[in-house]
C-alpha atoms as a PDB file:
ATOM      1  CA  MET A   1      -0.030  -0.005  -0.015  1.00  0.00           C
ATOM      2  CA  ARG A   2       1.184   3.530  -0.877  1.00  0.00           C
ATOM      3  CA  ASP A   3      -0.076   6.792   0.575  1.00  0.00           C
ATOM      4  CA  LEU A   4      -0.891   9.741  -1.624  1.00  0.00           C
ATOM      5  CA  HIS A   5       1.590  12.305  -0.394  1.00  0.00           C
ATOM      6  CA  GLY A   6       2.550  14.512  -3.289  1.00  0.00           C
ATOM      7  CA  ALA A   7      -0.459  13.425  -5.389  1.00  0.00           C
ATOM      8  CA  VAL A   8      -3.129  15.777  -6.734  1.00  0.00           C
ATOM      9  CA  ALA A   9      -6.679  14.437  -6.747  1.00  0.00           C
ATOM     10  CA  VAL A  10      -9.783  15.982  -8.433  1.00  0.00           C
ATOM     11  CA  VAL A  11     -13.194  14.977  -7.033  1.00  0.00           C
ATOM     12  CA  THR A  12     -16.405  16.009  -8.779  1.00  0.00           C
ATOM     13  CA  GLY A  13     -19.656  16.316  -6.835  1.00  0.00           C
ATOM     14  CA  ALA A  14     -17.565  17.081  -3.809  1.00  0.00           C
ATOM     15  CA  SER A  15     -20.097  19.241  -1.989  1.00  0.00           C
ATOM     16  CA  SER A  16     -21.930  16.376  -0.230  1.00  0.00           C
ATOM     17  CA  GLY A  17     -22.317  12.688   0.203  1.00  0.00           C
ATOM     18  CA  ILE A  18     -19.860  10.341  -1.388  1.00  0.00           C
ATOM     19  CA  GLY A  19     -17.892  13.153  -3.001  1.00  0.00           C
ATOM     20  CA  GLU A  20     -17.378  14.964   0.311  1.00  0.00           C
ATOM     21  CA  ALA A  21     -16.430  11.765   2.120  1.00  0.00           C
ATOM     22  CA  THR A  22     -14.017  10.830  -0.681  1.00  0.00           C
ATOM     23  CA  ALA A  23     -12.364  14.255  -0.691  1.00  0.00           C
ATOM     24  CA  ARG A  24     -11.820  13.954   3.076  1.00  0.00           C
ATOM     25  CA  ALA A  25     -10.424  10.475   2.797  1.00  0.00           C
ATOM     26  CA  LEU A  26      -7.997  11.346  -0.037  1.00  0.00           C
ATOM     27  CA  ALA A  27      -6.752  14.425   1.875  1.00  0.00           C
ATOM     28  CA  ALA A  28      -6.222  12.256   4.969  1.00  0.00           C
ATOM     29  CA  GLU A  29      -3.978  10.041   2.825  1.00  0.00           C
ATOM     30  CA  GLY A  30      -1.863  13.067   1.876  1.00  0.00           C
ATOM     31  CA  ALA A  31      -3.405  14.058  -1.450  1.00  0.00           C
ATOM     32  CA  GLU A  32      -3.940  17.681  -2.332  1.00  0.00           C
ATOM     33  CA  VAL A  33      -7.558  17.731  -3.372  1.00  0.00           C
ATOM     34  CA  ALA A  34      -9.421  19.860  -5.908  1.00  0.00           C
ATOM     35  CA  LEU A  35     -13.119  20.033  -4.959  1.00  0.00           C
ATOM     36  CA  LEU A  36     -15.428  20.468  -7.948  1.00  0.00           C
ATOM     37  CA  ALA A  37     -19.179  21.068  -7.579  1.00  0.00           C
ATOM     38  CA  ARG A  38     -21.828  23.746  -8.094  1.00  0.00           C
ATOM     39  CA  ARG A  39     -22.380  24.763  -4.464  1.00  0.00           C
ATOM     40  CA  ARG A  40     -19.470  27.005  -3.684  1.00  0.00           C
ATOM     41  CA  ASP A  41     -20.466  27.686  -0.073  1.00  0.00           C
ATOM     42  CA  ARG A  42     -20.307  24.005   0.731  1.00  0.00           C
ATOM     43  CA  LEU A  43     -17.027  23.595  -1.084  1.00  0.00           C
ATOM     44  CA  ASP A  44     -15.480  26.503   0.847  1.00  0.00           C
ATOM     45  CA  GLU A  45     -16.678  24.979   4.165  1.00  0.00           C
ATOM     46  CA  LEU A  46     -15.256  21.580   3.196  1.00  0.00           C
ATOM     47  CA  ALA A  47     -11.899  23.025   2.094  1.00  0.00           C
ATOM     48  CA  ALA A  48     -11.620  24.873   5.389  1.00  0.00           C
ATOM     49  CA  ASP A  49     -12.496  21.823   7.418  1.00  0.00           C
ATOM     50  CA  ILE A  50      -9.925  19.723   5.541  1.00  0.00           C
ATOM     51  CA  ALA A  51      -7.325  22.376   6.264  1.00  0.00           C
ATOM     52  CA  ARG A  52      -8.243  22.437   9.968  1.00  0.00           C
ATOM     53  CA  ASN A  53      -7.490  18.721  10.007  1.00  0.00           C
ATOM     54  CA  GLY A  54      -4.038  19.145   8.402  1.00  0.00           C
ATOM     55  CA  GLY A  55      -5.029  18.513   4.786  1.00  0.00           C
ATOM     56  CA  ARG A  56      -5.035  20.601   1.614  1.00  0.00           C
ATOM     57  CA  ALA A  57      -8.036  21.273  -0.532  1.00  0.00           C
ATOM     58  CA  HIS A  58      -9.181  23.850  -3.042  1.00  0.00           C
ATOM     59  CA  ALA A  59     -12.743  24.811  -4.064  1.00  0.00           C
ATOM     60  CA  HIS A  60     -13.724  25.127  -7.768  1.00  0.00           C
ATOM     61  CA  GLU A  61     -17.312  26.043  -8.552  1.00  0.00           C
ATOM     62  CA  VAL A  62     -18.210  24.150 -11.731  1.00  0.00           C
ATOM     63  CA  ASP A  63     -21.118  22.324 -13.329  1.00  0.00           C
ATOM     64  CA  VAL A  64     -20.040  19.093 -14.928  1.00  0.00           C
ATOM     65  CA  THR A  65     -22.696  19.506 -17.629  1.00  0.00           C
ATOM     66  CA  ASP A  66     -20.751  22.498 -19.006  1.00  0.00           C
ATOM     67  CA  PRO A  67     -17.768  21.000 -20.886  1.00  0.00           C
ATOM     68  CA  ALA A  68     -16.009  24.360 -21.361  1.00  0.00           C
ATOM     69  CA  ALA A  69     -16.273  25.163 -17.686  1.00  0.00           C
ATOM     70  CA  VAL A  70     -15.034  21.691 -16.727  1.00  0.00           C
ATOM     71  CA  ARG A  71     -12.023  22.081 -19.039  1.00  0.00           C
ATOM     72  CA  THR A  72     -11.211  25.488 -17.623  1.00  0.00           C
ATOM     73  CA  ALA A  73     -11.390  24.172 -14.028  1.00  0.00           C
ATOM     74  CA  VAL A  74      -9.251  21.061 -14.812  1.00  0.00           C
ATOM     75  CA  GLU A  75      -6.627  23.156 -16.562  1.00  0.00           C
ATOM     76  CA  ARG A  76      -6.526  25.524 -13.641  1.00  0.00           C
ATOM     77  CA  VAL A  77      -6.047  22.678 -11.199  1.00  0.00           C
ATOM     78  CA  ALA A  78      -3.239  21.193 -13.253  1.00  0.00           C
ATOM     79  CA  THR A  79      -1.508  24.514 -13.657  1.00  0.00           C
ATOM     80  CA  GLU A  80      -1.781  25.615 -10.026  1.00  0.00           C
ATOM     81  CA  LEU A  81      -1.129  22.283  -8.384  1.00  0.00           C
ATOM     82  CA  GLY A  82       1.394  20.862 -10.831  1.00  0.00           C
ATOM     83  CA  GLY A  83      -0.640  18.139 -12.490  1.00  0.00           C
ATOM     84  CA  ILE A  84      -3.435  15.618 -11.778  1.00  0.00           C
ATOM     85  CA  ASP A  85      -2.734  12.117 -10.445  1.00  0.00           C
ATOM     86  CA  VAL A  86      -6.202  10.917  -9.447  1.00  0.00           C
ATOM     87  CA  LEU A  87      -9.586  11.736 -10.960  1.00  0.00           C
ATOM     88  CA  VAL A  88     -12.728  10.743  -9.086  1.00  0.00           C
ATOM     89  CA  ASN A  89     -15.865  11.080 -11.199  1.00  0.00           C
ATOM     90  CA  ASN A  90     -18.506  11.201  -8.530  1.00  0.00           C
ATOM     91  CA  ALA A  91     -21.044  13.872  -9.574  1.00  0.00           C
ATOM     92  CA  GLY A  92     -24.387  12.104 -10.054  1.00  0.00           C
ATOM     93  CA  TYR A  93     -28.122  12.538 -10.238  1.00  0.00           C
ATOM     94  CA  GLY A  94     -30.980  10.107  -9.964  1.00  0.00           C
ATOM     95  CA  VAL A  95     -34.746  10.070 -10.498  1.00  0.00           C
ATOM     96  CA  TRP A  96     -36.676   6.826 -10.474  1.00  0.00           C
ATOM     97  CA  ALA A  97     -40.040   6.594 -12.239  1.00  0.00           C
ATOM     98  CA  PRO A  98     -41.931   4.274 -14.557  1.00  0.00           C
ATOM     99  CA  ALA A  99     -41.168   5.218 -18.184  1.00  0.00           C
ATOM    100  CA  ALA A 100     -44.805   6.075 -18.954  1.00  0.00           C
ATOM    101  CA  GLU A 101     -44.858   8.606 -16.064  1.00  0.00           C
ATOM    102  CA  ALA A 102     -41.364   9.971 -16.456  1.00  0.00           C
ATOM    103  CA  ASP A 103     -40.365  13.558 -17.047  1.00  0.00           C
ATOM    104  CA  LEU A 104     -38.224  13.665 -20.206  1.00  0.00           C
ATOM    105  CA  ASP A 105     -36.237  16.583 -18.837  1.00  0.00           C
ATOM    106  CA  GLU A 106     -35.252  14.510 -15.854  1.00  0.00           C
ATOM    107  CA  TRP A 107     -34.019  11.728 -18.170  1.00  0.00           C
ATOM    108  CA  ARG A 108     -31.907  14.288 -20.031  1.00  0.00           C
ATOM    109  CA  LYS A 109     -30.531  15.627 -16.751  1.00  0.00           C
ATOM    110  CA  MET A 110     -29.419  12.146 -15.689  1.00  0.00           C
ATOM    111  CA  VAL A 111     -27.684  11.599 -19.043  1.00  0.00           C
ATOM    112  CA  ASP A 112     -26.042  14.999 -18.837  1.00  0.00           C
ATOM    113  CA  ILE A 113     -24.685  14.575 -15.322  1.00  0.00           C
ATOM    114  CA  ASN A 114     -24.118  10.854 -15.001  1.00  0.00           C
ATOM    115  CA  LEU A 115     -22.696  10.198 -18.440  1.00  0.00           C
ATOM    116  CA  ASN A 116     -21.799  13.402 -20.266  1.00  0.00           C
ATOM    117  CA  GLY A 117     -20.300  14.900 -17.076  1.00  0.00           C
ATOM    118  CA  VAL A 118     -18.035  11.843 -16.713  1.00  0.00           C
ATOM    119  CA  LEU A 119     -17.012  12.078 -20.349  1.00  0.00           C
ATOM    120  CA  ALA A 120     -16.234  15.825 -20.175  1.00  0.00           C
ATOM    121  CA  THR A 121     -14.253  15.631 -16.961  1.00  0.00           C
ATOM    122  CA  THR A 122     -12.328  12.526 -18.018  1.00  0.00           C
ATOM    123  CA  HIS A 123     -11.502  13.953 -21.451  1.00  0.00           C
ATOM    124  CA  ALA A 124     -10.206  17.180 -19.903  1.00  0.00           C
ATOM    125  CA  ALA A 125      -8.068  15.338 -17.329  1.00  0.00           C
ATOM    126  CA  LEU A 126      -6.553  12.608 -19.563  1.00  0.00           C
ATOM    127  CA  PRO A 127      -3.477  14.516 -20.811  1.00  0.00           C
ATOM    128  CA  HIS A 128      -2.592  15.357 -17.194  1.00  0.00           C
ATOM    129  CA  LEU A 129      -3.185  11.809 -15.985  1.00  0.00           C
ATOM    130  CA  THR A 130      -1.084  10.245 -18.679  1.00  0.00           C
ATOM    131  CA  ALA A 131       1.715  12.739 -17.919  1.00  0.00           C
ATOM    132  CA  ALA A 132       1.464  12.042 -14.185  1.00  0.00           C
ATOM    133  CA  ALA A 133       1.788   8.314 -14.770  1.00  0.00           C
ATOM    134  CA  GLN A 134       5.280   8.987 -16.145  1.00  0.00           C
ATOM    135  CA  GLY A 135       6.287  10.805 -12.987  1.00  0.00           C
ATOM    136  CA  GLU A 136       7.515   9.750  -9.534  1.00  0.00           C
ATOM    137  CA  ARG A 137       4.316   7.929  -8.571  1.00  0.00           C
ATOM    138  CA  GLY A 138       4.520   5.872 -11.716  1.00  0.00           C
ATOM    139  CA  VAL A 139       0.767   5.494 -12.099  1.00  0.00           C
ATOM    140  CA  ALA A 140      -2.427   7.579 -12.311  1.00  0.00           C
ATOM    141  CA  ASP A 141      -6.046   6.760 -11.593  1.00  0.00           C
ATOM    142  CA  VAL A 142      -9.504   7.398 -13.043  1.00  0.00           C
ATOM    143  CA  ILE A 143     -12.090   6.192 -10.553  1.00  0.00           C
ATOM    144  CA  THR A 144     -15.774   6.599 -11.347  1.00  0.00           C
ATOM    145  CA  ILE A 145     -18.622   6.145  -8.863  1.00  0.00           C
ATOM    146  CA  SER A 146     -21.122   4.023 -10.649  1.00  0.00           C
ATOM    147  CA  SER A 147     -23.870   1.925  -8.982  1.00  0.00           C
ATOM    148  CA  VAL A 148     -25.243  -1.513  -8.497  1.00  0.00           C
ATOM    149  CA  GLY A 149     -27.559  -0.233 -11.224  1.00  0.00           C
ATOM    150  CA  GLY A 150     -24.587  -0.275 -13.590  1.00  0.00           C
ATOM    151  CA  ARG A 151     -24.508  -4.053 -13.337  1.00  0.00           C
ATOM    152  CA  LYS A 152     -28.210  -5.003 -13.141  1.00  0.00           C
ATOM    153  CA  ILE A 153     -31.667  -3.466 -13.254  1.00  0.00           C
ATOM    154  CA  THR A 154     -32.627  -3.470  -9.583  1.00  0.00           C
ATOM    155  CA  ALA A 155     -36.200  -2.357 -10.277  1.00  0.00           C
ATOM    156  CA  PRO A 156     -38.152  -1.082 -13.341  1.00  0.00           C
ATOM    157  CA  PRO A 157     -38.243   2.594 -12.273  1.00  0.00           C
ATOM    158  CA  SER A 158     -34.381   2.600 -12.332  1.00  0.00           C
ATOM    159  CA  ASN A 159     -34.563   2.481 -16.183  1.00  0.00           C
ATOM    160  CA  VAL A 160     -32.628   5.600 -17.321  1.00  0.00           C
ATOM    161  CA  TYR A 161     -30.535   5.919 -14.148  1.00  0.00           C
ATOM    162  CA  ALA A 162     -29.349   2.340 -14.717  1.00  0.00           C
ATOM    163  CA  ALA A 163     -28.800   3.051 -18.413  1.00  0.00           C
ATOM    164  CA  THR A 164     -26.437   5.926 -17.606  1.00  0.00           C
ATOM    165  CA  LYS A 165     -24.489   3.735 -15.194  1.00  0.00           C
ATOM    166  CA  HIS A 166     -24.254   0.922 -17.672  1.00  0.00           C
ATOM    167  CA  ALA A 167     -22.914   3.358 -20.185  1.00  0.00           C
ATOM    168  CA  VAL A 168     -20.279   4.594 -17.718  1.00  0.00           C
ATOM    169  CA  GLY A 169     -19.238   1.013 -17.212  1.00  0.00           C
ATOM    170  CA  ALA A 170     -18.740   0.443 -20.924  1.00  0.00           C
ATOM    171  CA  PHE A 171     -16.804   3.687 -21.302  1.00  0.00           C
ATOM    172  CA  SER A 172     -14.603   2.810 -18.358  1.00  0.00           C
ATOM    173  CA  GLU A 173     -13.778  -0.628 -19.757  1.00  0.00           C
ATOM    174  CA  GLY A 174     -12.852   0.834 -23.090  1.00  0.00           C
ATOM    175  CA  LEU A 175     -10.733   3.440 -21.398  1.00  0.00           C
ATOM    176  CA  ARG A 176      -9.031   0.778 -19.249  1.00  0.00           C
ATOM    177  CA  GLN A 177      -7.994  -1.164 -22.273  1.00  0.00           C
ATOM    178  CA  GLU A 178      -6.736   1.975 -24.028  1.00  0.00           C
ATOM    179  CA  LEU A 179      -4.696   3.336 -21.127  1.00  0.00           C
ATOM    180  CA  ALA A 180      -3.283   0.172 -19.533  1.00  0.00           C
ATOM    181  CA  GLY A 181      -0.018   0.537 -21.466  1.00  0.00           C
ATOM    182  CA  GLN A 182       0.334   4.090 -20.264  1.00  0.00           C
ATOM    183  CA  HIS A 183      -0.121   3.051 -16.630  1.00  0.00           C
ATOM    184  CA  VAL A 184      -3.351   4.940 -16.059  1.00  0.00           C
ATOM    185  CA  ARG A 185      -5.618   2.656 -13.971  1.00  0.00           C
ATOM    186  CA  VAL A 186      -9.331   2.837 -14.622  1.00  0.00           C
ATOM    187  CA  GLY A 187     -11.806   1.558 -12.057  1.00  0.00           C
ATOM    188  CA  LEU A 188     -15.446   1.650 -11.013  1.00  0.00           C
ATOM    189  CA  VAL A 189     -16.897   1.709  -7.531  1.00  0.00           C
ATOM    190  CA  GLU A 190     -20.487   0.405  -7.583  1.00  0.00           C
ATOM    191  CA  PRO A 191     -22.381   1.252  -4.362  1.00  0.00           C
ATOM    192  CA  GLY A 192     -25.665  -0.266  -3.276  1.00  0.00           C
ATOM    193  CA  VAL A 193     -27.864   1.876  -1.035  1.00  0.00           C
ATOM    194  CA  VAL A 194     -25.892   4.709   0.547  1.00  0.00           C
ATOM    195  CA  VAL A 195     -27.157   7.455   2.822  1.00  0.00           C
ATOM    196  CA  THR A 196     -26.866  10.512   0.623  1.00  0.00           C
ATOM    197  CA  GLU A 197     -29.055  13.320  -0.722  1.00  0.00           C
ATOM    198  CA  LEU A 198     -30.320  10.964  -3.443  1.00  0.00           C
ATOM    199  CA  THR A 199     -31.737   8.462  -0.903  1.00  0.00           C
ATOM    200  CA  THR A 200     -33.069  10.757   1.839  1.00  0.00           C
ATOM    201  CA  LYS A 201     -35.241  13.272  -0.049  1.00  0.00           C
ATOM    202  CA  GLY A 202     -38.257  10.981  -0.282  1.00  0.00           C
ATOM    203  CA  GLY A 203     -38.476  10.829  -4.022  1.00  0.00           C
ATOM    204  CA  ASN A 204     -41.106   8.474  -5.455  1.00  0.00           C
ATOM    205  CA  ASN A 205     -39.677   5.014  -6.273  1.00  0.00           C
ATOM    206  CA  ALA A 206     -36.196   6.140  -5.152  1.00  0.00           C
ATOM    207  CA  PRO A 207     -34.145   3.931  -2.846  1.00  0.00           C
ATOM    208  CA  ASP A 208     -35.080   5.070   0.656  1.00  0.00           C
ATOM    209  CA  ALA A 209     -32.496   5.405   3.334  1.00  0.00           C
ATOM    210  CA  THR A 210     -34.413   7.754   5.591  1.00  0.00           C
ATOM    211  CA  ARG A 211     -35.109   5.035   8.146  1.00  0.00           C
ATOM    212  CA  ALA A 212     -32.187   2.774   7.378  1.00  0.00           C
ATOM    213  CA  THR A 213     -30.194   0.878   9.925  1.00  0.00           C
ATOM    214  CA  GLU A 214     -26.472   0.451   9.743  1.00  0.00           C
ATOM    215  CA  LEU A 215     -27.042  -2.907   8.076  1.00  0.00           C
ATOM    216  CA  SER A 216     -29.467  -1.716   5.440  1.00  0.00           C
ATOM    217  CA  ALA A 217     -27.672   1.382   4.071  1.00  0.00           C
ATOM    218  CA  LEU A 218     -24.014   2.325   3.968  1.00  0.00           C
ATOM    219  CA  PRO A 219     -22.498   5.610   5.162  1.00  0.00           C
ATOM    220  CA  ALA A 220     -20.700   7.564   2.359  1.00  0.00           C
ATOM    221  CA  GLU A 221     -17.400   6.889   4.165  1.00  0.00           C
ATOM    222  CA  ASP A 222     -17.567   3.233   3.190  1.00  0.00           C
ATOM    223  CA  ILE A 223     -17.549   4.151  -0.483  1.00  0.00           C
ATOM    224  CA  ALA A 224     -14.725   6.574   0.103  1.00  0.00           C
ATOM    225  CA  ASP A 225     -12.780   3.722   1.614  1.00  0.00           C
ATOM    226  CA  ALA A 226     -13.148   1.799  -1.622  1.00  0.00           C
ATOM    227  CA  VAL A 227     -11.846   4.757  -3.681  1.00  0.00           C
ATOM    228  CA  VAL A 228      -8.805   5.126  -1.427  1.00  0.00           C
ATOM    229  CA  TYR A 229      -8.141   1.405  -1.625  1.00  0.00           C
ATOM    230  CA  MET A 230      -8.070   1.595  -5.415  1.00  0.00           C
ATOM    231  CA  ALA A 231      -5.832   4.666  -5.497  1.00  0.00           C
ATOM    232  CA  THR A 232      -3.259   3.349  -2.973  1.00  0.00           C
ATOM    233  CA  ARG A 233      -2.473  -0.092  -4.442  1.00  0.00           C
ATOM    234  CA  PRO A 234       1.069  -0.724  -5.613  1.00  0.00           C
ATOM    235  CA  ARG A 235       1.560   0.509  -9.186  1.00  0.00           C
ATOM    236  CA  ARG A 236       1.566  -3.036 -10.487  1.00  0.00           C
ATOM    237  CA  THR A 237      -2.028  -3.623  -9.191  1.00  0.00           C
ATOM    238  CA  ALA A 238      -5.156  -2.302 -10.864  1.00  0.00           C
ATOM    239  CA  ILE A 239      -8.441  -2.766  -9.014  1.00  0.00           C
ATOM    240  CA  ASN A 240     -10.895  -2.295 -11.875  1.00  0.00           C
ATOM    241  CA  GLU A 241     -14.211  -2.865 -10.119  1.00  0.00           C
ATOM    242  CA  ILE A 242     -15.559  -2.868  -6.562  1.00  0.00           C
ATOM    243  CA  LEU A 243     -19.183  -3.646  -5.795  1.00  0.00           C
ATOM    244  CA  VAL A 244     -20.233  -2.560  -2.297  1.00  0.00           C
ATOM    245  CA  ARG A 245     -23.680  -3.338  -0.818  1.00  0.00           C
ATOM    246  CA  PRO A 246     -24.964  -3.062   2.760  1.00  0.00           C
ATOM    247  CA  ILE A 247     -25.199  -6.559   4.155  1.00  0.00           C
ATOM    248  CA  GLU A 248     -29.035  -6.589   4.100  1.00  0.00           C
ATOM    249  CA  GLN A 249     -29.438  -5.371   0.510  1.00  0.00           C
ATOM    250  CA  ILE A 250     -30.886  -8.059  -1.718  1.00  0.00           C
ATOM    251  CA  ALA A 251     -31.172  -6.426  -5.141  1.00  0.00           C
END
């Protein structure tokens, strides 16, 4: 196992939930973390809290559905911090509804955030990741937060959400094959039910963690642990997929 001292990590969707927990965990391992999300106030609070705990973090207000803004933010991070060693594609959105009742705009929003956001951020970061892999660390990482829904359809209302996560899985596998020789590792973390904003707002048909026990829904920190595990393996070892469910989850 290797710590991340000297590494620069970018985390999208860092203002809450899995993204926030992942940023904290990477900073605790020594990484300098760029926090990307839309809610600047939350990013500033998180960066300050990480600093109080001895870490280093920088807030960047950006919407992953805006490719130009994403590229600007990524280039700024690489310039100011000296490169990018780890990219965590975490920004996500979910609405669960039967197709006949669905709002088409919500479908588009899921595609824009869950898929196009991953594509835009990864595309912008790739030159910096491939360069970093030739440096002292000898490896770089693209880690995308997918879902159990990227492996199977857990329920009919998960239709388009699951479709975006399946697409992310296909993209990640193609990218893994392409970048293996350049020592950029590509992996997916696929959570089951996690206590986040997506599962505690009471949306119709959504996974519900509002009354979950510790055995029926995971804290975001458990998913952050999986990300850190991937990013701290010896350079010879690529962990390409981790599926994490709470012990009581069936689907």
